[in-house]
Amino acid sequence: MTENTENQTASLKLNSLIESKKKIFIAVLIILLCCIVAFIVCTVVLNNAKVSNLTALDDISYTLTEGSASLEESELTARRIDALEKLEQYNSKGGIVGARSNMLTADILYQQNKYSESAEAWKKTAEKSAKTYIEPIAYYNLAVCYEELGQIADASDAYKKAADNKDFILNTHAAFSYGRTLEALDKASEAFAAYSDLYDRNPDDTWAKLAKTRMLLLQTEGKVE
């Protein structure tokens, strides 16, 4: 009997507590509901904005390249200038939008022989595309720009970053270029190791076979044991 009384008392206290705090509970639920709705709305808005921005980039790219094979150089130059101006507003954005905008910007600048500016755009592309398929492409082209500028050490580092991505379609070319730039820096032992790693991984690849040739030459010249 006492136990039942205690249970009833406890139940009454709990009901009383819930009743007294009901407004608070309802308020918390409303806040949580509002947060969920806000999150959904923000997600939809951001996704729509991303799609809109990517569509704009596609339009810029299409306008730049459509029928370009039949254009005079002056017309191509005008198109490039126009595209660069339109791309400015997207270059500072993050994620895939910023990566693609900087990638297109870098390509245009390279066509204009502005290798230093192109390199900066490729660096931004790499930063904004970390761990995506675009990242090794950015590092590879960054390395090409550095070579045009005579910055061989920087080129070597960039080639290495591109080569480290095993899924990169130009992986073996990047790996060979890494070894080649190490040779240019008089780092024969490191170049030999890079060539050796490439050959061991892909012995039937054309660039790997060329790497094997370089290894034999380095040994013949007495630069490595």
N, C-alpha and C. Protein backbone atom coordinates (compact mmCIF):
# COMPACT_ATOMS: atom_id res chain seq x y z
N MET A 1 0.84 -1.21 0.00
CA MET A 1 0.00 0.00 0.00
C MET A 1 0.87 1.25 0.00
N THR A 2 1.85 1.21 0.87
CA THR A 2 2.78 2.35 0.96
C THR A 2 3.51 2.55 -0.35
N GLU A 3 3.89 1.40 -0.96
CA GLU A 3 4.63 1.48 -2.23
C GLU A 3 3.75 2.09 -3.32
N ASN A 4 2.48 1.69 -3.36
CA ASN A 4 1.56 2.25 -4.36
C ASN A 4 1.38 3.74 -4.15
N THR A 5 1.28 4.12 -2.88
CA THR A 5 1.11 5.54 -2.55
C THR A 5 2.32 6.34 -3.01
N GLU A 6 3.52 5.75 -2.76
CA GLU A 6 4.76 6.44 -3.15
C GLU A 6 4.82 6.57 -4.67
N ASN A 7 4.40 5.50 -5.37
CA ASN A 7 4.42 5.54 -6.84
C ASN A 7 3.47 6.59 -7.37
N GLN A 8 2.28 6.66 -6.75
CA GLN A 8 1.30 7.65 -7.17
C GLN A 8 1.80 9.06 -6.90
N THR A 9 2.45 9.22 -5.74
CA THR A 9 3.01 10.54 -5.40
C THR A 9 4.08 10.95 -6.40
N ALA A 10 4.95 9.97 -6.73
CA ALA A 10 6.02 10.25 -7.70
C ALA A 10 5.43 10.59 -9.05
N SER A 11 4.39 9.86 -9.44
CA SER A 11 3.74 10.11 -10.72
C SER A 11 3.11 11.48 -10.75
N LEU A 12 2.45 11.85 -9.64
CA LEU A 12 1.83 13.17 -9.56
C LEU A 12 2.87 14.28 -9.65
N LYS A 13 4.03 14.05 -8.99
CA LYS A 13 5.10 15.04 -9.03
C LYS A 13 5.63 15.19 -10.45
N LEU A 14 5.78 14.04 -11.16
CA LEU A 14 6.28 14.07 -12.53
C LEU A 14 5.30 14.79 -13.44
N ASN A 15 4.01 14.46 -13.27
CA ASN A 15 2.98 15.13 -14.07
C ASN A 15 2.94 16.62 -13.80
N SER A 16 3.11 16.95 -12.51
CA SER A 16 3.11 18.35 -12.12
C SER A 16 4.30 19.08 -12.74
N LEU A 17 5.47 18.37 -12.74
CA LEU A 17 6.67 18.97 -13.31
C LEU A 17 6.49 19.21 -14.81
N ILE A 18 5.95 18.17 -15.49
CA ILE A 18 5.74 18.29 -16.93
C ILE A 18 4.76 19.41 -17.25
N GLU A 19 3.70 19.50 -16.44
CA GLU A 19 2.69 20.53 -16.65
C GLU A 19 3.28 21.92 -16.47
N SER A 20 4.11 22.06 -15.41
CA SER A 20 4.70 23.37 -15.12
C SER A 20 5.73 23.78 -16.16
N LYS A 21 6.36 22.76 -16.78
CA LYS A 21 7.42 23.05 -17.76
C LYS A 21 6.90 22.91 -19.20
N LYS A 22 5.59 22.70 -19.35
CA LYS A 22 5.03 22.42 -20.66
C LYS A 22 5.35 23.52 -21.67
N LYS A 23 5.23 24.75 -21.23
CA LYS A 23 5.50 25.87 -22.14
C LYS A 23 6.95 25.85 -22.60
N ILE A 24 7.84 25.49 -21.67
CA ILE A 24 9.26 25.43 -22.02
C ILE A 24 9.50 24.32 -23.04
N PHE A 25 8.88 23.12 -22.78
CA PHE A 25 9.03 22.00 -23.70
C PHE A 25 8.53 22.36 -25.09
N ILE A 26 7.37 23.00 -25.13
CA ILE A 26 6.80 23.40 -26.41
C ILE A 26 7.70 24.40 -27.13
N ALA A 27 8.24 25.34 -26.36
CA ALA A 27 9.13 26.36 -26.94
C ALA A 27 10.38 25.71 -27.53
N VAL A 28 10.93 24.73 -26.78
CA VAL A 28 12.13 24.02 -27.26
C VAL A 28 11.82 23.27 -28.55
N LEU A 29 10.67 22.60 -28.58
CA LEU A 29 10.27 21.87 -29.78
C LEU A 29 10.10 22.80 -30.98
N ILE A 30 9.51 23.95 -30.72
CA ILE A 30 9.32 24.93 -31.80
C ILE A 30 10.67 25.42 -32.33
N ILE A 31 11.60 25.68 -31.39
CA ILE A 31 12.94 26.14 -31.79
C ILE A 31 13.64 25.08 -32.64
N LEU A 32 13.54 23.82 -32.16
CA LEU A 32 14.16 22.71 -32.91
C LEU A 32 13.55 22.58 -34.30
N LEU A 33 12.24 22.71 -34.36
CA LEU A 33 11.55 22.62 -35.65
C LEU A 33 11.99 23.75 -36.58
N CYS A 34 12.11 24.93 -36.02
CA CYS A 34 12.56 26.10 -36.81
C CYS A 34 13.98 25.88 -37.33
N CYS A 35 14.83 25.31 -36.48
CA CYS A 35 16.22 25.04 -36.87
C CYS A 35 16.27 24.04 -38.03
N ILE A 36 15.44 23.00 -37.93
CA ILE A 36 15.39 21.99 -38.99
C ILE A 36 14.92 22.60 -40.29
N VAL A 37 13.86 23.39 -40.21
CA VAL A 37 13.33 24.06 -41.41
C VAL A 37 14.36 25.00 -42.01
N ALA A 38 15.04 25.76 -41.13
CA ALA A 38 16.07 26.71 -41.60
C ALA A 38 17.21 25.97 -42.30
N PHE A 39 17.60 24.83 -41.71
CA PHE A 39 18.68 24.02 -42.30
C PHE A 39 18.28 23.53 -43.69
N ILE A 40 17.04 23.04 -43.80
CA ILE A 40 16.56 22.54 -45.09
C ILE A 40 16.52 23.67 -46.12
N VAL A 41 16.01 24.82 -45.70
CA VAL A 41 15.92 25.97 -46.61
C VAL A 41 17.31 26.41 -47.07
N CYS A 42 18.24 26.50 -46.11
CA CYS A 42 19.61 26.92 -46.44
C CYS A 42 20.27 25.94 -47.40
N THR A 43 20.04 24.64 -47.15
CA THR A 43 20.62 23.62 -48.01
C THR A 43 20.09 23.75 -49.43
N VAL A 44 18.79 23.94 -49.55
CA VAL A 44 18.17 24.10 -50.87
C VAL A 44 18.69 25.34 -51.57
N VAL A 45 18.78 26.45 -50.82
CA VAL A 45 19.26 27.72 -51.39
C VAL A 45 20.71 27.58 -51.87
N LEU A 46 21.55 26.96 -51.02
CA LEU A 46 22.96 26.79 -51.38
C LEU A 46 23.12 25.89 -52.60
N ASN A 47 22.35 24.81 -52.63
CA ASN A 47 22.42 23.90 -53.78
C ASN A 47 21.97 24.61 -55.05
N ASN A 48 20.89 25.39 -54.93
CA ASN A 48 20.41 26.14 -56.10
C ASN A 48 21.44 27.16 -56.57
N ALA A 49 22.11 27.79 -55.58
CA ALA A 49 23.14 28.78 -55.91
C ALA A 49 24.32 28.11 -56.62
N LYS A 50 24.69 26.91 -56.12
CA LYS A 50 25.81 26.20 -56.73
C LYS A 50 25.49 25.80 -58.16
N VAL A 51 24.29 25.27 -58.36
CA VAL A 51 23.86 24.87 -59.70
C VAL A 51 23.84 26.09 -60.62
N SER A 52 23.35 27.20 -60.11
CA SER A 52 23.29 28.43 -60.90
C SER A 52 24.69 28.91 -61.28
N ASN A 53 25.61 28.87 -60.32
CA ASN A 53 26.99 29.30 -60.58
C ASN A 53 27.69 28.38 -61.58
N LEU A 54 27.48 27.08 -61.44
CA LEU A 54 28.10 26.14 -62.37
C LEU A 54 27.55 26.30 -63.77
N THR A 55 26.28 26.60 -63.86
CA THR A 55 25.66 26.85 -65.16
C THR A 55 26.27 28.10 -65.81
N ALA A 56 26.50 29.12 -64.98
CA ALA A 56 27.11 30.36 -65.47
C ALA A 56 28.52 30.09 -65.99
N LEU A 57 29.26 29.25 -65.28
CA LEU A 57 30.62 28.90 -65.71
C LEU A 57 30.60 28.12 -67.02
N ASP A 58 29.62 27.24 -67.16
CA ASP A 58 29.48 26.49 -68.41
C ASP A 58 29.19 27.45 -69.57
N ASP A 59 28.38 28.45 -69.31
CA ASP A 59 28.04 29.44 -70.35
C ASP A 59 29.29 30.24 -70.76
N ILE A 60 30.10 30.61 -69.76
CA ILE A 60 31.33 31.36 -70.04
C ILE A 60 32.27 30.51 -70.89
N SER A 61 32.41 29.25 -70.50
CA SER A 61 33.29 28.33 -71.23
C SER A 61 32.80 28.12 -72.66
N TYR A 62 31.49 27.96 -72.81
CA TYR A 62 30.93 27.74 -74.15
C TYR A 62 31.13 28.96 -75.04
N THR A 63 30.87 30.13 -74.49
CA THR A 63 31.04 31.37 -75.25
C THR A 63 32.50 31.56 -75.67
N LEU A 64 33.41 31.13 -74.80
CA LEU A 64 34.84 31.26 -75.07
C LEU A 64 35.29 30.36 -76.21
N THR A 65 34.79 29.14 -76.23
CA THR A 65 35.31 28.14 -77.17
C THR A 65 34.45 27.88 -78.40
N GLU A 66 33.18 28.25 -78.39
CA GLU A 66 32.28 27.95 -79.49
C GLU A 66 32.77 28.56 -80.81
N GLY A 67 33.02 27.69 -81.78
CA GLY A 67 33.47 28.14 -83.09
C GLY A 67 34.84 28.81 -83.09
N SER A 68 35.63 28.58 -82.04
CA SER A 68 36.92 29.29 -81.91
C SER A 68 37.94 28.90 -82.98
N ALA A 69 37.80 27.71 -83.54
CA ALA A 69 38.77 27.24 -84.54
C ALA A 69 38.81 28.13 -85.78
N SER A 70 37.70 28.80 -86.07
CA SER A 70 37.63 29.62 -87.28
C SER A 70 37.84 31.11 -87.01
N LEU A 71 38.17 31.45 -85.77
CA LEU A 71 38.31 32.87 -85.40
C LEU A 71 39.73 33.38 -85.61
N GLU A 72 39.81 34.68 -85.87
CA GLU A 72 41.10 35.35 -85.95
C GLU A 72 41.65 35.52 -84.54
N GLU A 73 42.96 35.71 -84.44
CA GLU A 73 43.59 35.85 -83.13
C GLU A 73 43.02 37.03 -82.35
N SER A 74 42.70 38.11 -83.06
CA SER A 74 42.15 39.29 -82.39
C SER A 74 40.80 38.97 -81.75
N GLU A 75 40.01 38.14 -82.44
CA GLU A 75 38.71 37.75 -81.91
C GLU A 75 38.86 36.83 -80.70
N LEU A 76 39.85 35.93 -80.77
CA LEU A 76 40.13 35.04 -79.65
C LEU A 76 40.59 35.83 -78.43
N THR A 77 41.42 36.83 -78.68
CA THR A 77 41.91 37.68 -77.60
C THR A 77 40.76 38.40 -76.91
N ALA A 78 39.84 38.92 -77.70
CA ALA A 78 38.67 39.62 -77.15
C ALA A 78 37.82 38.67 -76.31
N ARG A 79 37.65 37.46 -76.77
CA ARG A 79 36.86 36.47 -76.02
C ARG A 79 37.54 36.13 -74.69
N ARG A 80 38.84 35.99 -74.72
CA ARG A 80 39.57 35.66 -73.49
C ARG A 80 39.46 36.76 -72.45
N ILE A 81 39.59 37.99 -72.92
CA ILE A 81 39.48 39.14 -72.01
C ILE A 81 38.08 39.19 -71.40
N ASP A 82 37.08 38.98 -72.23
CA ASP A 82 35.69 38.99 -71.76
C ASP A 82 35.45 37.88 -70.74
N ALA A 83 35.98 36.70 -71.02
CA ALA A 83 35.81 35.55 -70.11
C ALA A 83 36.48 35.81 -68.77
N LEU A 84 37.69 36.37 -68.80
CA LEU A 84 38.41 36.65 -67.55
C LEU A 84 37.63 37.64 -66.68
N GLU A 85 37.04 38.64 -67.32
CA GLU A 85 36.25 39.62 -66.57
C GLU A 85 35.03 38.97 -65.91
N LYS A 86 34.37 38.07 -66.64
CA LYS A 86 33.19 37.40 -66.11
C LYS A 86 33.54 36.39 -65.00
N LEU A 87 34.74 35.83 -65.09
CA LEU A 87 35.15 34.81 -64.12
C LEU A 87 35.56 35.40 -62.77
N GLU A 88 35.90 36.66 -62.74
CA GLU A 88 36.38 37.29 -61.51
C GLU A 88 35.44 37.08 -60.32
N GLN A 89 34.16 37.19 -60.53
CA GLN A 89 33.19 37.10 -59.43
C GLN A 89 33.08 35.68 -58.87
N TYR A 90 33.56 34.70 -59.63
CA TYR A 90 33.47 33.31 -59.18
C TYR A 90 34.79 32.77 -58.60
N ASN A 91 35.90 33.45 -58.90
CA ASN A 91 37.21 32.97 -58.48
C ASN A 91 37.38 32.90 -56.96
N SER A 92 36.68 33.77 -56.24
CA SER A 92 36.83 33.81 -54.78
C SER A 92 35.92 32.81 -54.07
N LYS A 93 35.03 32.18 -54.81
CA LYS A 93 34.10 31.24 -54.20
C LYS A 93 34.81 29.93 -53.84
N GLY A 94 34.24 29.22 -52.88
CA GLY A 94 34.85 27.97 -52.44
C GLY A 94 34.30 26.78 -53.20
N GLY A 95 34.83 25.60 -52.87
CA GLY A 95 34.32 24.36 -53.45
C GLY A 95 34.50 24.25 -54.95
N ILE A 96 33.64 23.46 -55.56
CA ILE A 96 33.75 23.16 -56.98
C ILE A 96 33.58 24.39 -57.85
N VAL A 97 32.77 25.34 -57.41
CA VAL A 97 32.56 26.56 -58.20
C VAL A 97 33.87 27.35 -58.30
N GLY A 98 34.51 27.59 -57.16
CA GLY A 98 35.77 28.32 -57.15
C GLY A 98 36.87 27.57 -57.89
N ALA A 99 36.87 26.24 -57.73
CA ALA A 99 37.89 25.42 -58.39
C ALA A 99 37.76 25.50 -59.91
N ARG A 100 36.55 25.33 -60.40
CA ARG A 100 36.34 25.35 -61.85
C ARG A 100 36.58 26.75 -62.44
N SER A 101 36.20 27.78 -61.69
CA SER A 101 36.41 29.14 -62.18
C SER A 101 37.90 29.46 -62.29
N ASN A 102 38.65 29.10 -61.24
CA ASN A 102 40.10 29.34 -61.27
C ASN A 102 40.80 28.48 -62.31
N MET A 103 40.27 27.28 -62.53
CA MET A 103 40.86 26.40 -63.54
C MET A 103 40.72 27.01 -64.94
N LEU A 104 39.54 27.52 -65.23
CA LEU A 104 39.32 28.16 -66.53
C LEU A 104 40.14 29.43 -66.66
N THR A 105 40.22 30.18 -65.57
CA THR A 105 41.03 31.39 -65.55
C THR A 105 42.50 31.07 -65.82
N ALA A 106 42.99 30.03 -65.15
CA ALA A 106 44.39 29.62 -65.31
C ALA A 106 44.69 29.21 -66.74
N ASP A 107 43.77 28.50 -67.35
CA ASP A 107 43.95 28.04 -68.73
C ASP A 107 44.02 29.22 -69.69
N ILE A 108 43.15 30.19 -69.50
CA ILE A 108 43.14 31.38 -70.37
C ILE A 108 44.44 32.16 -70.21
N LEU A 109 44.86 32.35 -68.97
CA LEU A 109 46.10 33.08 -68.71
C LEU A 109 47.31 32.38 -69.32
N TYR A 110 47.30 31.05 -69.30
CA TYR A 110 48.40 30.30 -69.89
C TYR A 110 48.42 30.52 -71.41
N GLN A 111 47.24 30.53 -72.02
CA GLN A 111 47.15 30.79 -73.46
C GLN A 111 47.68 32.18 -73.81
N GLN A 112 47.59 33.09 -72.84
CA GLN A 112 48.09 34.46 -73.05
C GLN A 112 49.58 34.58 -72.68
N ASN A 113 50.19 33.44 -72.37
CA ASN A 113 51.61 33.39 -71.97
C ASN A 113 51.88 34.13 -70.66
N LYS A 114 50.85 34.28 -69.85
CA LYS A 114 50.99 34.91 -68.53
C LYS A 114 51.21 33.80 -67.50
N TYR A 115 52.40 33.22 -67.52
CA TYR A 115 52.66 32.01 -66.75
C TYR A 115 52.63 32.23 -65.24
N SER A 116 53.09 33.37 -64.80
CA SER A 116 53.09 33.65 -63.37
C SER A 116 51.65 33.76 -62.83
N GLU A 117 50.82 34.50 -63.57
CA GLU A 117 49.42 34.65 -63.16
C GLU A 117 48.67 33.33 -63.28
N SER A 118 49.01 32.58 -64.32
CA SER A 118 48.38 31.28 -64.51
C SER A 118 48.74 30.35 -63.34
N ALA A 119 50.00 30.41 -62.92
CA ALA A 119 50.44 29.57 -61.79
C ALA A 119 49.65 29.90 -60.53
N GLU A 120 49.42 31.18 -60.29
CA GLU A 120 48.65 31.58 -59.10
C GLU A 120 47.23 31.03 -59.17
N ALA A 121 46.65 31.07 -60.36
CA ALA A 121 45.29 30.55 -60.52
C ALA A 121 45.25 29.04 -60.35
N TRP A 122 46.30 28.36 -60.82
CA TRP A 122 46.35 26.90 -60.65
C TRP A 122 46.54 26.54 -59.18
N LYS A 123 47.29 27.35 -58.45
CA LYS A 123 47.45 27.11 -57.00
C LYS A 123 46.11 27.23 -56.29
N LYS A 124 45.35 28.24 -56.64
CA LYS A 124 44.03 28.43 -56.04
C LYS A 124 43.11 27.27 -56.40
N THR A 125 43.24 26.80 -57.64
CA THR A 125 42.43 25.67 -58.08
C THR A 125 42.73 24.44 -57.22
N ALA A 126 44.01 24.20 -56.98
CA ALA A 126 44.41 23.04 -56.17
C ALA A 126 43.89 23.15 -54.75
N GLU A 127 43.97 24.36 -54.19
CA GLU A 127 43.50 24.58 -52.82
C GLU A 127 42.00 24.34 -52.68
N LYS A 128 41.26 24.79 -53.69
CA LYS A 128 39.80 24.69 -53.62
C LYS A 128 39.27 23.32 -54.04
N SER A 129 40.14 22.50 -54.62
CA SER A 129 39.69 21.19 -55.11
C SER A 129 40.36 20.03 -54.38
N ALA A 130 40.82 20.27 -53.16
CA ALA A 130 41.52 19.23 -52.40
C ALA A 130 40.73 17.92 -52.35
N LYS A 131 41.44 16.83 -52.63
CA LYS A 131 40.87 15.48 -52.57
C LYS A 131 39.79 15.22 -53.62
N THR A 132 39.84 15.97 -54.72
CA THR A 132 38.95 15.70 -55.84
C THR A 132 39.80 15.40 -57.07
N TYR A 133 39.15 14.98 -58.16
CA TYR A 133 39.88 14.65 -59.39
C TYR A 133 40.57 15.86 -59.99
N ILE A 134 40.13 17.07 -59.62
CA ILE A 134 40.72 18.29 -60.18
C ILE A 134 42.09 18.59 -59.58
N GLU A 135 42.31 18.19 -58.33
CA GLU A 135 43.54 18.57 -57.62
C GLU A 135 44.82 18.16 -58.36
N PRO A 136 44.99 16.88 -58.77
CA PRO A 136 46.23 16.53 -59.48
C PRO A 136 46.38 17.24 -60.82
N ILE A 137 45.25 17.52 -61.49
CA ILE A 137 45.30 18.27 -62.75
C ILE A 137 45.88 19.65 -62.49
N ALA A 138 45.42 20.26 -61.40
CA ALA A 138 45.89 21.60 -61.04
C ALA A 138 47.39 21.60 -60.75
N TYR A 139 47.85 20.61 -59.98
CA TYR A 139 49.28 20.55 -59.64
C TYR A 139 50.15 20.28 -60.88
N TYR A 140 49.64 19.44 -61.77
CA TYR A 140 50.40 19.14 -62.98
C TYR A 140 50.58 20.41 -63.82
N ASN A 141 49.49 21.13 -64.03
CA ASN A 141 49.57 22.36 -64.83
C ASN A 141 50.33 23.46 -64.10
N LEU A 142 50.27 23.45 -62.78
CA LEU A 142 51.07 24.39 -62.00
C LEU A 142 52.55 24.13 -62.26
N ALA A 143 52.92 22.86 -62.30
CA ALA A 143 54.31 22.49 -62.56
C ALA A 143 54.76 22.96 -63.94
N VAL A 144 53.87 22.81 -64.92
CA VAL A 144 54.19 23.26 -66.29
C VAL A 144 54.45 24.76 -66.30
N CYS A 145 53.63 25.51 -65.59
CA CYS A 145 53.82 26.97 -65.50
C CYS A 145 55.17 27.30 -64.86
N TYR A 146 55.48 26.59 -63.78
CA TYR A 146 56.75 26.84 -63.08
C TYR A 146 57.94 26.56 -64.00
N GLU A 147 57.82 25.53 -64.83
CA GLU A 147 58.93 25.24 -65.76
C GLU A 147 59.07 26.36 -66.78
N GLU A 148 57.95 26.88 -67.24
CA GLU A 148 58.00 28.01 -68.17
C GLU A 148 58.69 29.22 -67.54
N LEU A 149 58.53 29.34 -66.23
CA LEU A 149 59.12 30.46 -65.49
C LEU A 149 60.55 30.17 -65.04
N GLY A 150 61.02 28.95 -65.29
CA GLY A 150 62.37 28.56 -64.88
C GLY A 150 62.48 28.24 -63.40
N GLN A 151 61.34 28.05 -62.74
CA GLN A 151 61.33 27.73 -61.31
C GLN A 151 61.28 26.21 -61.16
N ILE A 152 62.42 25.57 -61.40
CA ILE A 152 62.47 24.12 -61.50
C ILE A 152 62.17 23.43 -60.16
N ALA A 153 62.66 23.98 -59.07
CA ALA A 153 62.41 23.36 -57.76
C ALA A 153 60.91 23.35 -57.45
N ASP A 154 60.25 24.47 -57.74
CA ASP A 154 58.80 24.54 -57.51
C ASP A 154 58.07 23.59 -58.45
N ALA A 155 58.56 23.50 -59.68
CA ALA A 155 57.95 22.59 -60.66
C ALA A 155 58.07 21.15 -60.18
N SER A 156 59.23 20.82 -59.66
CA SER A 156 59.46 19.46 -59.17
C SER A 156 58.50 19.10 -58.04
N ASP A 157 58.32 20.02 -57.11
CA ASP A 157 57.39 19.78 -55.99
C ASP A 157 55.96 19.58 -56.50
N ALA A 158 55.57 20.38 -57.48
CA ALA A 158 54.20 20.28 -58.01
C ALA A 158 54.01 18.97 -58.78
N TYR A 159 55.02 18.57 -59.54
CA TYR A 159 54.92 17.29 -60.26
C TYR A 159 54.78 16.14 -59.27
N LYS A 160 55.50 16.23 -58.16
CA LYS A 160 55.43 15.19 -57.13
C LYS A 160 54.02 15.08 -56.56
N LYS A 161 53.39 16.22 -56.30
CA LYS A 161 52.03 16.21 -55.76
C LYS A 161 51.04 15.61 -56.76
N ALA A 162 51.25 15.90 -58.04
CA ALA A 162 50.38 15.32 -59.07
C ALA A 162 50.61 13.81 -59.17
N ALA A 163 51.87 13.41 -59.11
CA ALA A 163 52.22 12.00 -59.24
C ALA A 163 51.77 11.17 -58.04
N ASP A 164 51.62 11.81 -56.89
CA ASP A 164 51.19 11.09 -55.68
C ASP A 164 49.75 10.59 -55.78
N ASN A 165 48.98 11.17 -56.70
CA ASN A 165 47.61 10.73 -56.91
C ASN A 165 47.61 9.60 -57.94
N LYS A 166 47.45 8.37 -57.47
CA LYS A 166 47.55 7.20 -58.35
C LYS A 166 46.41 7.11 -59.36
N ASP A 167 45.32 7.84 -59.11
CA ASP A 167 44.17 7.80 -60.03
C ASP A 167 44.27 8.85 -61.13
N PHE A 168 45.28 9.71 -61.05
CA PHE A 168 45.46 10.77 -62.04
C PHE A 168 45.81 10.15 -63.39
N ILE A 169 45.10 10.54 -64.44
CA ILE A 169 45.29 9.93 -65.75
C ILE A 169 46.71 10.14 -66.30
N LEU A 170 47.36 11.24 -65.90
CA LEU A 170 48.74 11.50 -66.33
C LEU A 170 49.74 11.19 -65.21
N ASN A 171 49.38 10.23 -64.38
CA ASN A 171 50.20 9.90 -63.21
C ASN A 171 51.64 9.54 -63.59
N THR A 172 51.80 8.64 -64.56
CA THR A 172 53.15 8.20 -64.92
C THR A 172 53.97 9.32 -65.59
N HIS A 173 53.28 10.16 -66.36
CA HIS A 173 53.97 11.30 -66.97
C HIS A 173 54.44 12.27 -65.89
N ALA A 174 53.57 12.51 -64.91
CA ALA A 174 53.93 13.40 -63.80
C ALA A 174 55.09 12.83 -63.01
N ALA A 175 55.07 11.51 -62.79
CA ALA A 175 56.14 10.85 -62.04
C ALA A 175 57.47 10.95 -62.78
N PHE A 176 57.42 10.76 -64.11
CA PHE A 176 58.66 10.90 -64.89
C PHE A 176 59.16 12.33 -64.85
N SER A 177 58.24 13.28 -64.98
CA SER A 177 58.62 14.70 -64.95
C SER A 177 59.22 15.07 -63.60
N TYR A 178 58.72 14.44 -62.55
CA TYR A 178 59.29 14.67 -61.22
C TYR A 178 60.75 14.23 -61.21
N GLY A 179 61.02 13.05 -61.74
CA GLY A 179 62.40 12.58 -61.81
C GLY A 179 63.26 13.47 -62.71
N ARG A 180 62.69 13.87 -63.84
CA ARG A 180 63.42 14.72 -64.79
C ARG A 180 63.83 16.06 -64.17
N THR A 181 62.90 16.67 -63.40
CA THR A 181 63.22 17.96 -62.78
C THR A 181 64.23 17.78 -61.63
N LEU A 182 64.19 16.63 -60.98
CA LEU A 182 65.22 16.36 -59.96
C LEU A 182 66.59 16.27 -60.61
N GLU A 183 66.67 15.65 -61.79
CA GLU A 183 67.94 15.60 -62.54
C GLU A 183 68.41 17.01 -62.85
N ALA A 184 67.48 17.86 -63.28
CA ALA A 184 67.83 19.23 -63.64
C ALA A 184 68.36 20.00 -62.44
N LEU A 185 67.96 19.57 -61.25
CA LEU A 185 68.42 20.20 -60.01
C LEU A 185 69.69 19.55 -59.47
N ASP A 186 70.29 18.66 -60.31
CA ASP A 186 71.51 17.92 -59.92
C ASP A 186 71.30 17.03 -58.69
N LYS A 187 70.09 16.51 -58.57
CA LYS A 187 69.78 15.58 -57.48
C LYS A 187 69.66 14.19 -58.09
N ALA A 188 70.81 13.67 -58.53
CA ALA A 188 70.84 12.42 -59.27
C ALA A 188 70.28 11.24 -58.47
N SER A 189 70.68 11.14 -57.22
CA SER A 189 70.23 10.01 -56.38
C SER A 189 68.71 10.03 -56.19
N GLU A 190 68.18 11.22 -55.94
CA GLU A 190 66.74 11.35 -55.76
C GLU A 190 66.00 11.08 -57.07
N ALA A 191 66.58 11.53 -58.18
CA ALA A 191 65.98 11.28 -59.49
C ALA A 191 65.97 9.78 -59.78
N PHE A 192 67.08 9.12 -59.49
CA PHE A 192 67.17 7.67 -59.70
C PHE A 192 66.09 6.94 -58.89
N ALA A 193 65.90 7.36 -57.65
CA ALA A 193 64.89 6.74 -56.79
C ALA A 193 63.49 6.96 -57.34
N ALA A 194 63.24 8.16 -57.86
CA ALA A 194 61.92 8.48 -58.43
C ALA A 194 61.67 7.64 -59.68
N TYR A 195 62.70 7.53 -60.53
CA TYR A 195 62.58 6.70 -61.74
C TYR A 195 62.35 5.24 -61.37
N SER A 196 63.09 4.80 -60.38
CA SER A 196 62.99 3.40 -59.95
C SER A 196 61.59 3.08 -59.42
N ASP A 197 61.05 3.99 -58.64
CA ASP A 197 59.70 3.79 -58.09
C ASP A 197 58.68 3.72 -59.22
N LEU A 198 58.83 4.60 -60.21
CA LEU A 198 57.91 4.62 -61.36
C LEU A 198 58.00 3.30 -62.12
N TYR A 199 59.22 2.84 -62.38
CA TYR A 199 59.40 1.62 -63.15
C TYR A 199 58.88 0.39 -62.40
N ASP A 200 59.13 0.36 -61.11
CA ASP A 200 58.66 -0.78 -60.31
C ASP A 200 57.14 -0.88 -60.29
N ARG A 201 56.48 0.26 -60.33
CA ARG A 201 55.01 0.28 -60.26
C ARG A 201 54.36 0.01 -61.61
N ASN A 202 55.02 0.49 -62.69
CA ASN A 202 54.39 0.39 -64.01
C ASN A 202 55.42 0.01 -65.08
N PRO A 203 56.01 -1.18 -64.99
CA PRO A 203 57.11 -1.55 -65.90
C PRO A 203 56.75 -1.53 -67.38
N ASP A 204 55.46 -1.69 -67.71
CA ASP A 204 55.06 -1.73 -69.12
C ASP A 204 54.64 -0.37 -69.67
N ASP A 205 54.60 0.63 -68.81
CA ASP A 205 54.20 1.96 -69.23
C ASP A 205 55.32 2.64 -70.02
N THR A 206 54.93 3.44 -71.01
CA THR A 206 55.91 4.12 -71.86
C THR A 206 56.82 5.03 -71.05
N TRP A 207 56.24 5.80 -70.13
CA TRP A 207 57.05 6.71 -69.31
C TRP A 207 57.93 5.95 -68.35
N ALA A 208 57.47 4.79 -67.90
CA ALA A 208 58.28 3.97 -67.00
C ALA A 208 59.49 3.40 -67.75
N LYS A 209 59.27 3.01 -68.99
CA LYS A 209 60.38 2.50 -69.81
C LYS A 209 61.41 3.60 -70.06
N LEU A 210 60.92 4.81 -70.28
CA LEU A 210 61.83 5.94 -70.46
C LEU A 210 62.58 6.22 -69.16
N ALA A 211 61.89 6.04 -68.02
CA ALA A 211 62.54 6.21 -66.72
C ALA A 211 63.66 5.20 -66.54
N LYS A 212 63.41 3.97 -67.00
CA LYS A 212 64.45 2.92 -66.91
C LYS A 212 65.68 3.32 -67.73
N THR A 213 65.44 3.92 -68.88
CA THR A 213 66.55 4.40 -69.72
C THR A 213 67.36 5.46 -68.98
N ARG A 214 66.67 6.38 -68.31
CA ARG A 214 67.35 7.42 -67.55
C ARG A 214 68.15 6.83 -66.39
N MET A 215 67.62 5.80 -65.76
CA MET A 215 68.32 5.14 -64.66
C MET A 215 69.64 4.55 -65.15
N LEU A 216 69.59 3.87 -66.30
CA LEU A 216 70.80 3.26 -66.87
C LEU A 216 71.82 4.33 -67.25
N LEU A 217 71.32 5.46 -67.76
CA LEU A 217 72.22 6.55 -68.16
C LEU A 217 72.88 7.17 -66.94
N LEU A 218 72.12 7.36 -65.87
CA LEU A 218 72.70 7.91 -64.64
C LEU A 218 73.79 7.00 -64.08
N GLN A 219 73.58 5.69 -64.20
CA GLN A 219 74.59 4.73 -63.75
C GLN A 219 75.81 4.76 -64.66
N THR A 220 75.57 4.84 -65.96
CA THR A 220 76.67 4.88 -66.93
C THR A 220 77.55 6.11 -66.73
N GLU A 221 76.90 7.22 -66.43
CA GLU A 221 77.63 8.47 -66.22
C GLU A 221 78.29 8.54 -64.85
N GLY A 222 78.05 7.55 -64.04
CA GLY A 222 78.66 7.49 -62.72
C GLY A 222 78.04 8.44 -61.70
N LYS A 223 76.85 8.89 -61.97
CA LYS A 223 76.18 9.82 -61.04
C LYS A 223 75.52 9.09 -59.87
N VAL A 224 75.25 7.81 -60.09
CA VAL A 224 74.72 6.95 -59.01
C VAL A 224 75.42 5.61 -59.10
N GLU A 225 75.40 4.88 -58.02
CA GLU A 225 76.06 3.57 -58.01
C GLU A 225 75.15 2.50 -58.62
